[in-house]
C-alpha atoms as a PDB file:
ATOM      1  CA  MET A   1     -18.886  -5.547  13.922  1.00  0.00           C
ATOM      2  CA  GLU A   2     -18.490  -3.623  10.770  1.00  0.00           C
ATOM      3  CA  SER A   3     -15.793  -0.868  10.677  1.00  0.00           C
ATOM      4  CA  GLN A   4     -18.475   1.909  10.010  1.00  0.00           C
ATOM      5  CA  ASN A   5     -19.615   1.360  13.586  1.00  0.00           C
ATOM      6  CA  LYS A   6     -16.174   1.635  14.905  1.00  0.00           C
ATOM      7  CA  VAL A   7     -13.969   4.585  15.841  1.00  0.00           C
ATOM      8  CA  TYR A   8     -10.280   4.775  16.036  1.00  0.00           C
ATOM      9  CA  GLY A   9      -7.754   6.352  18.366  1.00  0.00           C
ATOM     10  CA  CYS A  10      -4.140   6.589  19.031  1.00  0.00           C
ATOM     11  CA  LEU A  11      -1.988   6.597  22.196  1.00  0.00           C
ATOM     12  CA  PHE A  12       1.678   7.831  22.583  1.00  0.00           C
ATOM     13  CA  CYS A  13       3.277   5.413  25.095  1.00  0.00           C
ATOM     14  CA  THR A  14       6.689   4.657  26.325  1.00  0.00           C
ATOM     15  CA  THR A  15       8.898   3.167  23.507  1.00  0.00           C
ATOM     16  CA  GLY A  16       9.431  -0.591  23.932  1.00  0.00           C
ATOM     17  CA  LYS A  17       6.172  -0.912  26.219  1.00  0.00           C
ATOM     18  CA  GLU A  18       3.848  -0.892  23.183  1.00  0.00           C
ATOM     19  CA  LEU A  19       2.814  -4.627  23.537  1.00  0.00           C
ATOM     20  CA  ALA A  20       2.498  -4.341  27.307  1.00  0.00           C
ATOM     21  CA  VAL A  21       0.012  -1.235  26.750  1.00  0.00           C
ATOM     22  CA  VAL A  22      -2.002  -3.351  24.339  1.00  0.00           C
ATOM     23  CA  GLN A  23      -2.212  -6.295  26.926  1.00  0.00           C
ATOM     24  CA  ARG A  24      -3.362  -3.813  29.633  1.00  0.00           C
ATOM     25  CA  ILE A  25      -6.040  -2.197  27.635  1.00  0.00           C
ATOM     26  CA  GLU A  26      -7.728  -5.331  26.278  1.00  0.00           C
ATOM     27  CA  ALA A  27      -7.350  -6.675  29.963  1.00  0.00           C
ATOM     28  CA  VAL A  28      -9.392  -3.704  31.097  1.00  0.00           C
ATOM     29  CA  ASP A  29     -12.108  -3.730  28.366  1.00  0.00           C
ATOM     30  CA  SER A  30     -12.463  -6.486  25.982  1.00  0.00           C
ATOM     31  CA  SER A  31     -14.756  -4.647  23.731  1.00  0.00           C
ATOM     32  CA  VAL A  32     -11.825  -2.551  22.664  1.00  0.00           C
ATOM     33  CA  ARG A  33      -9.093  -3.779  20.320  1.00  0.00           C
ATOM     34  CA  ALA A  34      -5.615  -2.418  20.618  1.00  0.00           C
ATOM     35  CA  VAL A  35      -2.491  -3.017  18.404  1.00  0.00           C
ATOM     36  CA  ALA A  36       1.026  -1.921  18.144  1.00  0.00           C
ATOM     37  CA  ALA A  37       1.986  -1.470  14.485  1.00  0.00           C
ATOM     38  CA  GLN A  38       4.352  -4.517  13.724  1.00  0.00           C
ATOM     39  CA  GLN A  39       5.784  -5.867  10.566  1.00  0.00           C
ATOM     40  CA  GLU A  40       7.151  -9.307   9.633  1.00  0.00           C
ATOM     41  CA  LYS A  41      10.630  -9.287   8.408  1.00  0.00           C
ATOM     42  CA  TYR A  42      13.300 -12.141   7.823  1.00  0.00           C
ATOM     43  CA  ARG A  43      16.367 -12.140   9.974  1.00  0.00           C
ATOM     44  CA  THR A  44      19.376 -14.328   9.458  1.00  0.00           C
ATOM     45  CA  VAL A  45      21.354 -15.366  12.329  1.00  0.00           C
ATOM     46  CA  HIS A  46      24.266 -17.852  11.849  1.00  0.00           C
ATOM     47  CA  GLY A  47      23.143 -18.795   8.420  1.00  0.00           C
ATOM     48  CA  GLU A  48      19.464 -19.615   9.652  1.00  0.00           C
ATOM     49  CA  LYS A  49      16.722 -17.585   8.271  1.00  0.00           C
ATOM     50  CA  SER A  50      13.685 -16.905  10.343  1.00  0.00           C
ATOM     51  CA  ARG A  51      10.364 -14.635  10.350  1.00  0.00           C
ATOM     52  CA  VAL A  52      10.269 -12.103  13.208  1.00  0.00           C
ATOM     53  CA  SER A  53       7.886  -9.321  13.981  1.00  0.00           C
ATOM     54  CA  GLU A  54       9.167  -5.862  15.027  1.00  0.00           C
ATOM     55  CA  ILE A  55       7.365  -2.707  15.781  1.00  0.00           C
ATOM     56  CA  PHE A  56       7.691  -0.181  13.109  1.00  0.00           C
ATOM     57  CA  LEU A  57       6.111   2.833  14.934  1.00  0.00           C
ATOM     58  CA  PRO A  58       7.793   2.859  18.132  1.00  0.00           C
ATOM     59  CA  GLY A  59       5.723   4.527  20.944  1.00  0.00           C
ATOM     60  CA  TYR A  60       2.326   4.231  19.257  1.00  0.00           C
ATOM     61  CA  VAL A  61      -0.685   2.078  20.349  1.00  0.00           C
ATOM     62  CA  PHE A  62      -3.839   2.257  18.067  1.00  0.00           C
ATOM     63  CA  LEU A  63      -7.502   1.663  19.338  1.00  0.00           C
ATOM     64  CA  GLU A  64     -10.519   0.422  17.813  1.00  0.00           C
ATOM     65  CA  ALA A  65     -13.857   0.967  19.676  1.00  0.00           C
ATOM     66  CA  ASP A  66     -17.616   0.952  19.448  1.00  0.00           C
ATOM     67  CA  SER A  67     -18.668   4.274  17.965  1.00  0.00           C
ATOM     68  CA  GLY A  68     -20.579   4.997  21.194  1.00  0.00           C
ATOM     69  CA  MET A  69     -17.410   5.244  23.301  1.00  0.00           C
ATOM     70  CA  GLU A  70     -17.299   8.891  24.438  1.00  0.00           C
ATOM     71  CA  SER A  71     -14.209   8.753  26.617  1.00  0.00           C
ATOM     72  CA  LEU A  72     -10.999   7.077  27.115  1.00  0.00           C
ATOM     73  CA  SER A  73     -10.994   7.953  30.996  1.00  0.00           C
ATOM     74  CA  TRP A  74     -10.833   4.224  31.977  1.00  0.00           C
ATOM     75  CA  LEU A  75      -7.409   3.497  30.109  1.00  0.00           C
ATOM     76  CA  PRO A  76      -4.625   2.190  32.339  1.00  0.00           C
ATOM     77  CA  ARG A  77      -2.128   5.023  32.658  1.00  0.00           C
ATOM     78  CA  THR A  78       1.090   2.864  33.236  1.00  0.00           C
ATOM     79  CA  ASP A  79       3.195   3.616  30.287  1.00  0.00           C
ATOM     80  CA  VAL A  80       0.693   5.867  28.553  1.00  0.00           C
ATOM     81  CA  ILE A  81       2.127   9.233  27.929  1.00  0.00           C
ATOM     82  CA  ARG A  82      -0.953  10.723  26.298  1.00  0.00           C
ATOM     83  CA  ILE A  83      -3.843  10.474  24.012  1.00  0.00           C
ATOM     84  CA  LEU A  84      -3.501  11.910  20.402  1.00  0.00           C
ATOM     85  CA  ASN A  85      -6.451  14.435  20.267  1.00  0.00           C
ATOM     86  CA  TYR A  86      -5.512  17.177  17.600  1.00  0.00           C
ATOM     87  CA  GLY A  87      -5.926  19.818  20.491  1.00  0.00           C
ATOM     88  CA  SER A  88      -9.760  19.379  20.313  1.00  0.00           C
ATOM     89  CA  GLY A  89     -10.185  17.073  23.314  1.00  0.00           C
ATOM     90  CA  GLN A  90     -11.893  14.582  20.830  1.00  0.00           C
ATOM     91  CA  TRP A  91      -9.750  11.074  21.053  1.00  0.00           C
ATOM     92  CA  GLN A  92     -11.218   9.657  17.732  1.00  0.00           C
ATOM     93  CA  LEU A  93      -8.807   9.836  14.632  1.00  0.00           C
ATOM     94  CA  SER A  94     -10.000  11.528  11.360  1.00  0.00           C
ATOM     95  CA  GLY A  95      -8.735  11.803   7.658  1.00  0.00           C
ATOM     96  CA  GLN A  96      -5.544  10.114   6.995  1.00  0.00           C
ATOM     97  CA  ASP A  97      -4.687   9.024  10.514  1.00  0.00           C
ATOM     98  CA  GLU A  98      -8.171   7.078  10.676  1.00  0.00           C
ATOM     99  CA  ALA A  99      -7.546   5.508   7.404  1.00  0.00           C
ATOM    100  CA  PHE A 100      -4.127   4.259   8.436  1.00  0.00           C
ATOM    101  CA  ALA A 101      -5.671   2.860  11.665  1.00  0.00           C
ATOM    102  CA  LYS A 102      -8.435   1.040   9.587  1.00  0.00           C
ATOM    103  CA  TRP A 103      -5.754  -0.450   7.419  1.00  0.00           C
ATOM    104  CA  LEU A 104      -3.725  -1.516  10.327  1.00  0.00           C
ATOM    105  CA  PHE A 105      -6.730  -3.332  12.007  1.00  0.00           C
ATOM    106  CA  ARG A 106      -7.326  -5.025   8.687  1.00  0.00           C
ATOM    107  CA  TYR A 107      -4.260  -6.930   9.545  1.00  0.00           C
ATOM    108  CA  ASP A 108      -4.549  -7.053  12.997  1.00  0.00           C
ATOM    109  CA  GLY A 109      -1.507  -4.803  13.561  1.00  0.00           C
ATOM    110  CA  LEU A 110       0.713  -7.271  11.950  1.00  0.00           C
ATOM    111  CA  LEU A 111       1.741  -6.231   8.416  1.00  0.00           C
ATOM    112  CA  GLY A 112       2.862  -9.765   7.076  1.00  0.00           C
ATOM    113  CA  PHE A 113       4.796 -10.460   3.726  1.00  0.00           C
ATOM    114  CA  SER A 114       2.669  -9.431   0.500  1.00  0.00           C
ATOM    115  CA  LYS A 115       2.614 -11.638  -2.598  1.00  0.00           C
ATOM    116  CA  ALA A 116       4.378 -10.509  -5.783  1.00  0.00           C
ATOM    117  CA  TYR A 117       5.212 -11.709  -9.094  1.00  0.00           C
ATOM    118  CA  ARG A 118       7.281 -10.536 -11.961  1.00  0.00           C
ATOM    119  CA  GLU A 119       5.680  -9.007 -14.953  1.00  0.00           C
ATOM    120  CA  GLY A 120       8.544  -8.433 -17.425  1.00  0.00           C
ATOM    121  CA  ALA A 121      10.788  -5.910 -15.549  1.00  0.00           C
ATOM    122  CA  ARG A 122       8.047  -4.995 -13.178  1.00  0.00           C
ATOM    123  CA  VAL A 123       6.987  -6.319  -9.904  1.00  0.00           C
ATOM    124  CA  ARG A 124       3.356  -6.728  -9.321  1.00  0.00           C
ATOM    125  CA  ILE A 125       1.778  -7.039  -6.050  1.00  0.00           C
ATOM    126  CA  ALA A 126      -1.001  -9.574  -5.961  1.00  0.00           C
ATOM    127  CA  SER A 127      -1.999  -9.493  -2.302  1.00  0.00           C
ATOM    128  CA  GLY A 128      -1.275  -8.414   1.224  1.00  0.00           C
ATOM    129  CA  PRO A 129      -0.420  -5.134   2.911  1.00  0.00           C
ATOM    130  CA  LEU A 130       1.520  -3.729  -0.314  1.00  0.00           C
ATOM    131  CA  LYS A 131      -1.295  -4.359  -2.488  1.00  0.00           C
ATOM    132  CA  ASP A 132      -3.494  -1.993  -0.499  1.00  0.00           C
ATOM    133  CA  MET A 133      -0.846   0.646  -0.629  1.00  0.00           C
ATOM    134  CA  GLU A 134       0.294   0.267  -4.232  1.00  0.00           C
ATOM    135  CA  GLY A 135      -0.183   3.943  -4.878  1.00  0.00           C
ATOM    136  CA  SER A 136       2.018   4.958  -2.061  1.00  0.00           C
ATOM    137  CA  ILE A 137       4.991   2.559  -3.059  1.00  0.00           C
ATOM    138  CA  THR A 138       7.945   4.749  -3.843  1.00  0.00           C
ATOM    139  CA  LYS A 139      10.681   2.211  -4.418  1.00  0.00           C
ATOM    140  CA  VAL A 140      10.912  -1.655  -4.868  1.00  0.00           C
ATOM    141  CA  ASP A 141      14.038  -3.540  -4.046  1.00  0.00           C
ATOM    142  CA  LYS A 142      13.597  -6.817  -6.090  1.00  0.00           C
ATOM    143  CA  ARG A 143      16.607  -8.634  -4.748  1.00  0.00           C
ATOM    144  CA  GLY A 144      15.745  -7.763  -1.052  1.00  0.00           C
ATOM    145  CA  ARG A 145      11.980  -8.464  -1.772  1.00  0.00           C
ATOM    146  CA  SER A 146      10.648  -5.125  -0.320  1.00  0.00           C
ATOM    147  CA  GLY A 147       8.808  -2.109  -1.250  1.00  0.00           C
ATOM    148  CA  GLN A 148       9.264   1.211   0.372  1.00  0.00           C
ATOM    149  CA  VAL A 149       5.689   2.725   1.384  1.00  0.00           C
ATOM    150  CA  GLU A 150       4.988   6.242   2.439  1.00  0.00           C
ATOM    151  CA  LEU A 151       2.464   6.463   5.216  1.00  0.00           C
ATOM    152  CA  HIS A 152       0.936   9.678   6.822  1.00  0.00           C
ATOM    153  CA  VAL A 153       0.771   9.121  10.533  1.00  0.00           C
ATOM    154  CA  ASN A 154      -0.130  12.071  12.869  1.00  0.00           C
ATOM    155  CA  ASN A 155       0.508  14.597  10.076  1.00  0.00           C
ATOM    156  CA  LYS A 156       4.084  13.085   9.579  1.00  0.00           C
ATOM    157  CA  LEU A 157       5.486  11.342   6.553  1.00  0.00           C
ATOM    158  CA  VAL A 158       6.662   7.974   7.641  1.00  0.00           C
ATOM    159  CA  ARG A 159       8.776   5.692   5.180  1.00  0.00           C
ATOM    160  CA  ILE A 160       8.790   1.957   5.883  1.00  0.00           C
ATOM    161  CA  TRP A 161       9.842  -1.193   4.019  1.00  0.00           C
ATOM    162  CA  LEU A 162       7.340  -3.983   3.614  1.00  0.00           C
ATOM    163  CA  GLY A 163       8.485  -7.395   2.594  1.00  0.00           C
ATOM    164  CA  PHE A 164       6.926  -9.614  -0.160  1.00  0.00           C
ATOM    165  CA  GLU A 165       7.545 -13.112  -1.415  1.00  0.00           C
ATOM    166  CA  TRP A 166       7.728 -14.084  -4.931  1.00  0.00           C
ATOM    167  CA  ILE A 167       5.032 -16.431  -6.384  1.00  0.00           C
ATOM    168  CA  ASP A 168       4.475 -18.030  -9.548  1.00  0.00           C
ATOM    169  CA  PRO A 169       1.056 -16.683 -10.780  1.00  0.00           C
ATOM    170  CA  VAL A 170       0.681 -19.273 -13.609  1.00  0.00           C
ATOM    171  CA  GLY A 171      -2.256 -21.656 -12.623  1.00  0.00           C
ATOM    172  CA  SER A 172      -2.416 -19.811  -9.266  1.00  0.00           C
ATOM    173  CA  GLU A 173      -5.659 -18.695  -7.451  1.00  0.00           C
ATOM    174  CA  ILE A 174      -4.103 -15.276  -7.488  1.00  0.00           C
ATOM    175  CA  GLU A 175      -3.839 -15.029 -11.077  1.00  0.00           C
ATOM    176  CA  ARG A 176      -7.375 -15.632 -11.576  1.00  0.00           C
ATOM    177  CA  ASN A 177      -8.316 -12.945  -9.044  1.00  0.00           C
ATOM    178  CA  ILE A 178      -5.741 -10.522 -10.981  1.00  0.00           C
ATOM    179  CA  LYS A 179      -7.615 -11.212 -14.192  1.00  0.00           C
ATOM    180  CA  GLU A 180     -11.422 -10.857 -12.545  1.00  0.00           C
ATOM    181  CA  SER A 181     -10.364  -7.348 -11.238  1.00  0.00           C
END
């Protein structure tokens, strides 16, 4: 199931119902993957730090289907507002929107923490979602361990902060991979 045999789409749905829409779609047609764009964050409650997942594009659900799928008429309509179609009637994404959807599916819809290390005064991203987006990182907060990324979704510029974890590259597998590239 390589991505060149896949097409990508996007639905607008009721905010807060993204995960329910994902479940309904996958229950109706198991050959279609659906994801709500989520990111992992740290949350501290009563001094206890934990990882949580939050929707970072409220109201959007992305689809990945076989290239032969011509219609989405089978879609469950509960909580689905409309299908993004660029005014052409075609539901398949193209350009930056398609590239974003492919990137999101590479991480199964959940953008976890990237791995980063210090190189002098700079932060180097070794792996994870931020590594893929290095050219789009506009700011880095070393203390907060996050990087602001500019994404283009539905012809809109969206800025999000993605987290990273510090690693020690000395002697690690990541350091070897970095030197090889």
